[in-house]
N, C-alpha and C. Protein backbone atom coordinates (compact mmCIF):
# COMPACT_ATOMS: atom_id res chain seq x y z
N MET A 1 106.31 112.13 162.57
CA MET A 1 106.90 111.15 163.26
C MET A 1 108.62 111.99 163.62
N LYS A 2 109.10 111.78 164.91
CA LYS A 2 110.20 112.58 165.21
C LYS A 2 111.30 111.55 165.60
N LEU A 3 112.71 111.91 165.62
CA LEU A 3 113.54 111.01 166.09
C LEU A 3 113.41 110.52 167.51
N ASN A 4 112.88 111.77 168.27
CA ASN A 4 112.66 110.88 169.74
C ASN A 4 111.17 110.14 169.91
N GLU A 5 110.69 110.12 168.95
CA GLU A 5 109.38 108.84 168.87
C GLU A 5 109.65 107.61 168.29
N LEU A 6 110.81 107.57 167.83
CA LEU A 6 111.57 105.85 167.43
C LEU A 6 111.55 104.96 168.36
N LYS A 7 110.97 103.85 168.14
CA LYS A 7 111.06 102.69 168.97
C LYS A 7 111.01 101.52 168.07
N PRO A 8 112.02 100.55 168.67
CA PRO A 8 112.32 99.19 168.27
C PRO A 8 111.09 98.47 167.84
N ALA A 9 110.86 97.42 167.20
CA ALA A 9 109.75 96.71 166.80
C ALA A 9 109.23 95.97 168.17
N GLU A 10 108.05 95.71 168.25
CA GLU A 10 107.58 94.85 169.39
C GLU A 10 108.55 93.40 169.52
N GLY A 11 109.02 93.24 170.68
CA GLY A 11 109.78 91.97 170.76
C GLY A 11 111.25 92.06 170.19
N ALA A 12 111.66 93.07 169.78
CA ALA A 12 113.01 93.30 169.23
C ALA A 12 114.10 92.99 170.35
N VAL A 13 113.56 94.07 171.47
CA VAL A 13 114.58 94.26 172.53
C VAL A 13 114.33 93.27 173.80
N LYS A 14 115.51 92.77 174.07
CA LYS A 14 115.00 91.82 175.66
C LYS A 14 116.00 92.50 176.72
N THR A 15 115.15 92.42 177.73
CA THR A 15 116.21 92.92 178.68
C THR A 15 117.48 91.86 179.01
N ARG A 16 118.50 92.34 179.56
CA ARG A 16 119.83 91.73 179.74
C ARG A 16 119.71 90.77 181.06
N LYS A 17 120.22 89.57 180.76
CA LYS A 17 120.00 88.64 182.16
C LYS A 17 121.24 89.06 183.30
N ARG A 18 120.76 89.63 184.35
CA ARG A 18 121.64 90.22 185.34
C ARG A 18 122.11 88.92 186.15
N VAL A 19 123.10 88.38 185.97
CA VAL A 19 123.45 87.16 186.90
C VAL A 19 124.21 87.83 188.04
N GLY A 20 124.24 86.58 189.18
CA GLY A 20 125.25 87.04 190.36
C GLY A 20 124.83 87.96 191.15
N ARG A 21 123.58 88.32 191.26
CA ARG A 21 122.65 89.28 192.04
C ARG A 21 122.15 88.82 193.45
N GLY A 22 122.97 87.93 193.92
CA GLY A 22 122.11 87.28 195.05
C GLY A 22 120.86 86.05 194.85
N LYS A 23 120.82 85.33 195.95
CA LYS A 23 119.54 84.30 195.94
C LYS A 23 118.36 84.58 195.46
N GLY A 24 117.82 85.79 195.72
CA GLY A 24 116.58 85.93 195.51
C GLY A 24 116.17 86.47 193.91
N SER A 25 117.19 86.67 193.23
CA SER A 25 117.04 86.85 191.71
C SER A 25 116.67 85.51 191.17
N GLY A 26 117.35 84.24 191.52
CA GLY A 26 117.32 82.89 191.08
C GLY A 26 118.20 82.96 190.07
N LEU A 27 119.23 83.73 189.93
CA LEU A 27 120.35 83.63 189.20
C LEU A 27 121.67 83.96 190.31
N GLY A 28 121.53 83.83 191.42
CA GLY A 28 122.76 83.89 192.18
C GLY A 28 123.46 82.77 192.19
N LYS A 29 124.62 82.60 193.41
CA LYS A 29 125.36 81.51 193.71
C LYS A 29 126.38 81.11 192.42
N THR A 30 125.90 80.29 191.47
CA THR A 30 126.74 80.04 190.44
C THR A 30 126.33 80.54 189.15
N SER A 31 125.48 81.64 189.21
CA SER A 31 125.29 82.48 188.13
C SER A 31 124.54 81.69 186.93
N ALA A 32 123.84 80.63 186.64
CA ALA A 32 123.05 80.01 185.77
C ALA A 32 124.42 79.38 184.84
N ARG A 33 125.50 79.15 185.93
CA ARG A 33 126.31 78.18 184.56
C ARG A 33 126.37 76.82 185.32
N GLY A 34 125.50 76.26 186.28
CA GLY A 34 125.47 75.26 186.78
C GLY A 34 126.58 74.69 187.98
N GLU A 35 127.00 73.57 188.33
CA GLU A 35 128.02 73.42 189.29
C GLU A 35 129.34 73.22 189.02
N LYS A 36 129.82 72.04 188.69
CA LYS A 36 131.13 72.00 188.29
C LYS A 36 131.20 72.12 186.61
N GLY A 37 132.63 71.42 186.30
CA GLY A 37 132.65 71.20 184.90
C GLY A 37 133.58 72.52 183.90
N GLN A 38 134.17 72.21 182.82
CA GLN A 38 134.88 73.33 182.06
C GLN A 38 133.91 74.18 181.89
N LYS A 39 132.70 74.32 181.29
CA LYS A 39 131.91 75.64 181.08
C LYS A 39 131.52 76.54 182.35
N SER A 40 131.72 75.92 183.62
CA SER A 40 131.51 76.96 184.68
C SER A 40 132.48 77.58 185.21
N ARG A 41 133.61 77.38 184.81
CA ARG A 41 135.04 78.02 185.04
C ARG A 41 134.90 79.40 184.24
N ARG A 42 135.73 80.47 184.81
CA ARG A 42 135.89 81.63 183.92
C ARG A 42 136.93 81.72 183.12
N GLY A 43 136.96 82.24 181.98
CA GLY A 43 137.88 82.22 180.98
C GLY A 43 137.70 81.12 180.01
N TYR A 44 136.49 80.44 179.92
CA TYR A 44 135.98 79.61 179.18
C TYR A 44 135.69 79.89 177.67
N SER A 45 136.15 79.28 176.59
CA SER A 45 135.73 79.83 175.29
C SER A 45 136.09 78.44 174.48
N HIS A 46 135.02 78.08 173.45
CA HIS A 46 135.31 76.92 172.85
C HIS A 46 135.39 77.35 171.15
N ARG A 47 135.93 76.77 170.44
CA ARG A 47 135.92 76.67 169.15
C ARG A 47 134.67 76.46 168.49
N ARG A 48 133.93 76.59 167.07
CA ARG A 48 133.06 76.50 166.34
C ARG A 48 133.13 74.92 166.17
N GLY A 49 132.23 73.96 166.53
CA GLY A 49 132.11 72.87 166.21
C GLY A 49 132.59 71.82 167.36
N PHE A 50 133.22 72.50 168.63
CA PHE A 50 133.64 71.75 169.64
C PHE A 50 132.64 70.94 170.61
N GLU A 51 133.07 69.85 170.71
CA GLU A 51 131.71 68.97 171.28
C GLU A 51 132.34 68.35 172.59
N GLY A 52 132.87 69.21 173.41
CA GLY A 52 133.77 68.77 174.73
C GLY A 52 134.56 67.63 174.71
N GLY A 53 135.68 67.31 173.69
CA GLY A 53 136.32 66.34 173.56
C GLY A 53 135.68 65.05 172.71
N GLN A 54 134.64 64.93 172.91
CA GLN A 54 133.90 63.81 171.87
C GLN A 54 134.43 64.03 170.38
N MET A 55 134.30 63.08 169.81
CA MET A 55 134.85 63.37 168.45
C MET A 55 134.08 63.89 167.56
N PRO A 56 134.22 65.38 166.95
CA PRO A 56 133.37 66.14 166.61
C PRO A 56 132.56 65.43 165.26
N LEU A 57 131.25 65.72 165.05
CA LEU A 57 130.25 65.31 164.04
C LEU A 57 130.86 65.26 162.91
N VAL A 58 131.49 66.51 162.51
CA VAL A 58 132.20 66.72 161.13
C VAL A 58 133.39 65.59 160.86
N ARG A 59 134.18 65.03 161.80
CA ARG A 59 134.98 64.22 161.52
C ARG A 59 134.41 62.73 161.70
N ARG A 60 133.02 62.60 162.36
CA ARG A 60 132.64 61.48 162.41
C ARG A 60 131.85 61.23 160.86
N LEU A 61 131.61 61.92 160.11
CA LEU A 61 130.94 61.66 159.02
C LEU A 61 131.61 61.32 157.82
N PRO A 62 131.16 60.28 156.81
CA PRO A 62 132.26 59.95 155.76
C PRO A 62 132.34 61.05 154.94
N LYS A 63 133.55 60.77 154.45
CA LYS A 63 133.97 62.23 153.22
C LYS A 63 133.96 61.07 151.94
N ARG A 64 132.79 61.60 151.15
CA ARG A 64 132.79 61.42 149.83
C ARG A 64 132.42 62.12 148.56
N GLY A 65 132.75 61.63 147.35
CA GLY A 65 132.54 62.66 146.50
C GLY A 65 133.16 63.82 146.23
N PHE A 66 132.97 64.54 145.26
CA PHE A 66 133.94 65.59 144.81
C PHE A 66 132.96 66.73 144.10
N THR A 67 133.23 67.97 144.61
CA THR A 67 132.58 69.03 144.07
C THR A 67 133.52 70.19 143.36
N ASN A 68 133.23 69.99 141.75
CA ASN A 68 134.32 70.90 141.08
C ASN A 68 133.91 72.39 141.16
N ALA A 69 134.83 73.09 141.94
CA ALA A 69 134.72 74.55 141.91
C ALA A 69 134.78 75.19 141.15
N LEU A 70 135.06 74.58 139.55
CA LEU A 70 135.19 75.11 138.46
C LEU A 70 134.02 75.06 137.48
N ALA A 71 133.08 74.32 138.07
CA ALA A 71 132.06 73.99 137.03
C ALA A 71 131.17 75.03 137.00
N LEU A 72 130.38 75.04 135.77
CA LEU A 72 129.63 76.22 135.51
C LEU A 72 128.32 76.03 135.97
N ILE A 73 127.95 77.40 136.69
CA ILE A 73 126.39 77.04 137.33
C ILE A 73 125.36 76.94 136.23
N THR A 74 124.83 75.84 136.14
CA THR A 74 123.91 75.39 135.24
C THR A 74 122.26 75.72 135.87
N GLU A 75 121.20 76.41 135.14
CA GLU A 75 119.82 76.43 135.60
C GLU A 75 118.81 75.83 134.32
N GLU A 76 118.04 75.36 134.95
CA GLU A 76 117.16 74.75 133.70
C GLU A 76 115.74 75.61 133.66
N VAL A 77 115.20 75.73 132.41
CA VAL A 77 114.17 76.73 132.55
C VAL A 77 113.14 75.93 131.66
N THR A 78 111.93 75.68 131.95
CA THR A 78 110.95 75.03 131.21
C THR A 78 110.19 75.64 130.19
N LEU A 79 109.50 74.95 129.46
CA LEU A 79 108.60 75.87 128.25
C LEU A 79 107.67 76.66 128.80
N SER A 80 107.04 75.87 129.99
CA SER A 80 105.78 76.70 130.56
C SER A 80 106.22 78.20 131.37
N THR A 81 107.64 78.15 131.88
CA THR A 81 107.88 79.21 132.26
C THR A 81 108.26 80.14 131.50
N ILE A 82 108.79 79.89 130.20
CA ILE A 82 109.06 80.79 128.80
C ILE A 82 107.57 81.25 128.50
N SER A 83 106.62 80.57 128.65
CA SER A 83 105.44 81.06 128.27
C SER A 83 104.90 82.06 129.27
N ALA A 84 105.10 82.07 130.77
CA ALA A 84 104.62 82.80 131.53
C ALA A 84 105.26 84.11 131.53
N HIS A 85 106.64 84.35 130.97
CA HIS A 85 107.51 85.46 131.39
C HIS A 85 107.72 86.16 130.01
N PHE A 86 107.35 85.35 128.86
CA PHE A 86 107.70 86.11 127.68
C PHE A 86 106.62 86.37 126.56
N LYS A 87 106.48 87.20 125.71
CA LYS A 87 105.38 87.57 124.90
C LYS A 87 106.00 87.05 123.51
N ASP A 88 105.00 87.11 122.57
CA ASP A 88 105.25 86.53 121.31
C ASP A 88 106.19 87.54 120.41
N GLY A 89 107.09 86.99 119.96
CA GLY A 89 108.32 87.64 119.18
C GLY A 89 109.51 87.92 119.94
N ASP A 90 109.47 87.73 121.09
CA ASP A 90 110.66 87.92 122.25
C ASP A 90 111.80 87.16 122.27
N THR A 91 113.03 87.38 122.29
CA THR A 91 114.22 86.50 122.29
C THR A 91 114.31 86.18 123.90
N VAL A 92 114.36 84.78 123.68
CA VAL A 92 114.84 84.03 125.11
C VAL A 92 116.33 83.76 125.06
N SER A 93 117.13 84.61 126.18
CA SER A 93 118.52 84.59 126.47
C SER A 93 118.83 84.70 127.70
N VAL A 94 119.97 84.31 128.06
CA VAL A 94 120.48 84.04 129.35
C VAL A 94 120.30 85.48 129.99
N GLU A 95 120.60 86.59 129.60
CA GLU A 95 120.53 87.85 129.90
C GLU A 95 118.99 88.44 130.08
N SER A 96 118.11 87.90 129.34
CA SER A 96 116.71 88.38 129.27
C SER A 96 116.20 87.65 130.08
N LEU A 97 116.53 86.36 130.51
CA LEU A 97 116.02 85.41 131.69
C LEU A 97 116.67 86.05 133.29
N ARG A 98 117.96 86.58 133.12
CA ARG A 98 118.32 87.24 134.37
C ARG A 98 117.49 88.50 134.65
N GLY A 99 117.19 89.71 133.64
CA GLY A 99 116.77 90.44 133.51
C GLY A 99 115.12 90.53 134.12
N LYS A 100 114.59 89.25 133.82
CA LYS A 100 113.31 89.13 134.44
C LYS A 100 113.25 88.27 135.68
N LYS A 101 114.41 87.92 135.98
CA LYS A 101 114.51 87.14 137.48
C LYS A 101 114.13 85.88 137.38
N VAL A 102 114.07 85.35 136.22
CA VAL A 102 113.74 83.95 135.96
C VAL A 102 114.77 82.82 136.56
N ILE A 103 116.19 83.63 136.39
CA ILE A 103 117.32 82.67 136.86
C ILE A 103 117.94 83.30 137.71
N ALA A 104 118.97 82.78 138.39
CA ALA A 104 119.83 83.57 139.29
C ALA A 104 120.85 84.33 138.75
N ALA A 105 121.37 85.70 139.23
CA ALA A 105 122.49 86.64 138.70
C ALA A 105 123.69 85.66 138.40
N LYS A 106 124.14 84.77 139.29
CA LYS A 106 124.93 83.74 139.29
C LYS A 106 125.22 82.82 138.38
N THR A 107 123.85 82.35 137.53
CA THR A 107 123.72 81.85 136.56
C THR A 107 124.68 81.71 135.54
N GLU A 108 125.32 80.62 134.69
CA GLU A 108 126.39 80.83 133.92
C GLU A 108 125.87 80.21 132.61
N ARG A 109 125.20 79.07 132.79
CA ARG A 109 124.69 78.17 131.48
C ARG A 109 123.14 78.15 131.73
N VAL A 110 122.29 78.07 130.59
CA VAL A 110 120.71 77.91 130.80
C VAL A 110 120.52 76.65 129.85
N VAL A 111 119.59 75.80 130.25
CA VAL A 111 119.18 74.37 129.59
C VAL A 111 117.61 74.38 129.56
N VAL A 112 117.00 74.78 128.27
CA VAL A 112 115.39 74.59 128.21
C VAL A 112 115.07 73.26 127.78
N LEU A 113 114.38 72.99 128.93
CA LEU A 113 113.59 71.53 129.09
C LEU A 113 112.32 71.75 128.32
N ALA A 114 112.03 70.51 127.82
CA ALA A 114 110.24 70.14 127.24
C ALA A 114 109.06 70.33 128.17
N SER A 115 109.39 70.69 129.51
CA SER A 115 108.09 70.42 130.42
C SER A 115 107.55 71.42 130.20
N GLY A 116 105.83 71.13 130.32
CA GLY A 116 104.76 72.42 130.23
C GLY A 116 104.56 72.46 128.78
N GLU A 117 103.76 73.48 128.40
CA GLU A 117 103.25 73.97 127.18
C GLU A 117 103.63 75.23 126.91
N LEU A 118 104.43 75.24 125.47
CA LEU A 118 105.01 76.67 124.92
C LEU A 118 103.39 77.27 124.24
N THR A 119 103.12 78.24 125.13
CA THR A 119 101.88 79.05 123.99
C THR A 119 102.33 80.28 123.27
N ARG A 120 103.57 80.43 123.06
CA ARG A 120 104.24 81.77 122.45
C ARG A 120 105.20 81.26 121.33
N LYS A 121 105.31 82.29 120.29
CA LYS A 121 106.27 82.05 119.42
C LYS A 121 107.39 82.84 119.60
N VAL A 122 108.46 82.48 120.13
CA VAL A 122 109.85 83.08 120.55
C VAL A 122 110.88 82.56 120.11
N THR A 123 111.89 83.45 120.13
CA THR A 123 113.20 83.10 119.65
C THR A 123 114.14 82.48 120.87
N VAL A 124 114.66 81.23 120.81
CA VAL A 124 115.35 80.76 122.01
C VAL A 124 116.93 80.74 121.71
N SER A 125 117.91 81.62 122.29
CA SER A 125 119.25 81.91 122.26
C SER A 125 119.86 81.51 123.33
N VAL A 126 120.06 80.17 123.88
CA VAL A 126 120.62 79.63 125.17
C VAL A 126 121.76 78.78 124.72
N ASP A 127 122.37 78.18 126.08
CA ASP A 127 123.41 77.41 125.70
C ASP A 127 122.95 75.70 125.18
N ARG A 128 121.69 75.34 125.77
CA ARG A 128 121.26 73.94 125.32
C ARG A 128 120.00 74.11 125.22
N VAL A 129 119.22 73.43 124.26
CA VAL A 129 117.84 73.11 124.21
C VAL A 129 117.82 71.64 123.91
N THR A 130 116.62 71.09 124.75
CA THR A 130 116.57 69.42 124.51
C THR A 130 115.77 69.32 123.52
N LYS A 131 115.96 68.19 123.00
CA LYS A 131 115.36 67.70 121.61
C LYS A 131 113.52 67.83 121.49
N GLY A 132 113.05 67.69 122.73
CA GLY A 132 111.51 68.02 122.99
C GLY A 132 111.20 69.39 122.83
N ALA A 133 111.81 70.01 123.55
CA ALA A 133 111.85 71.51 123.67
C ALA A 133 111.98 72.24 122.18
N ARG A 134 113.29 71.64 121.52
CA ARG A 134 113.26 72.23 120.09
C ARG A 134 112.04 71.81 119.29
N GLU A 135 111.54 70.51 119.38
CA GLU A 135 110.45 70.39 118.52
C GLU A 135 109.05 71.32 118.65
N ALA A 136 109.11 71.44 120.12
CA ALA A 136 107.77 72.31 120.81
C ALA A 136 107.79 73.94 120.31
N ILE A 137 109.38 74.50 120.31
CA ILE A 137 109.64 75.80 119.71
C ILE A 137 109.35 75.60 118.35
N HIS A 138 109.72 75.02 117.50
CA HIS A 138 109.50 74.91 116.11
C HIS A 138 108.02 74.74 115.70
N ALA A 139 107.30 73.89 116.53
CA ALA A 139 105.85 73.61 116.32
C ALA A 139 104.86 74.90 116.57
N LYS A 140 105.43 75.75 117.46
CA LYS A 140 104.86 76.96 117.66
C LYS A 140 105.22 78.18 116.51
N GLY A 141 106.16 77.90 115.75
CA GLY A 141 106.46 78.57 114.53
C GLY A 141 108.04 79.60 115.44
N GLY A 142 108.62 79.21 116.55
CA GLY A 142 109.63 79.92 116.97
C GLY A 142 111.09 79.28 116.23
N THR A 143 111.94 80.00 116.71
CA THR A 143 113.33 79.57 116.20
C THR A 143 114.44 79.38 117.17
N VAL A 144 115.06 78.40 117.28
CA VAL A 144 116.24 78.11 118.43
C VAL A 144 117.61 78.62 117.55
N VAL A 145 118.13 79.56 118.10
CA VAL A 145 119.49 80.04 117.69
C VAL A 145 120.69 79.04 118.61
N GLU A 146 121.79 78.59 117.62
CA GLU A 146 122.70 77.66 118.17
C GLU A 146 123.52 78.74 118.71
N PRO A 147 124.38 78.52 120.14
CA PRO A 147 125.41 79.29 120.22
C PRO A 147 126.65 78.94 119.62
N ALA A 148 127.26 80.27 119.70
CA ALA A 148 128.85 80.11 118.99
C ALA A 148 129.51 79.24 119.79
N PRO A 149 130.41 78.60 119.07
CA PRO A 149 131.57 77.55 119.84
C PRO A 149 132.26 78.65 120.78
N ALA A 150 132.74 78.14 121.94
CA ALA A 150 133.47 78.81 122.79
C ALA A 150 134.97 78.73 122.22
N ALA A 151 135.48 80.01 122.28
CA ALA A 151 137.08 79.88 122.05
C ALA A 151 138.01 79.21 122.93
N GLU A 152 138.77 78.64 122.77
CA GLU A 152 139.32 77.82 123.73
C GLU A 152 141.22 78.58 123.48
């Protein structure tokens, strides 16, 4: 393959709409802008969310609730997920879960839930383990390591 043989993917390039080139083109006279109105005039531009003077949707909807920007991003991991991604004797931690792409890179806290069945003997060292998950881990001979308290 040479540089002069490169072509864009099929359907990736569309020909430009040439407006104002006479009646026969189908885009003459008003150049596909319709008859009258604000959008038919030259120099028209509108801001994002503008609805022609009508009260915009973002202002019509009720504003309720609160999203804490400082809240820690938490993800839940089930016992069946741990069984699928870890071997016997492995340590399940936030870093190991990130490394295996089980949780997102931006996740700051992990909670292990008792959903599914644990088939491996693992050591779990995450922020929180539910009571049912803790019992299932101990039943398989695994251990749960409590996290160190955060320094304030």
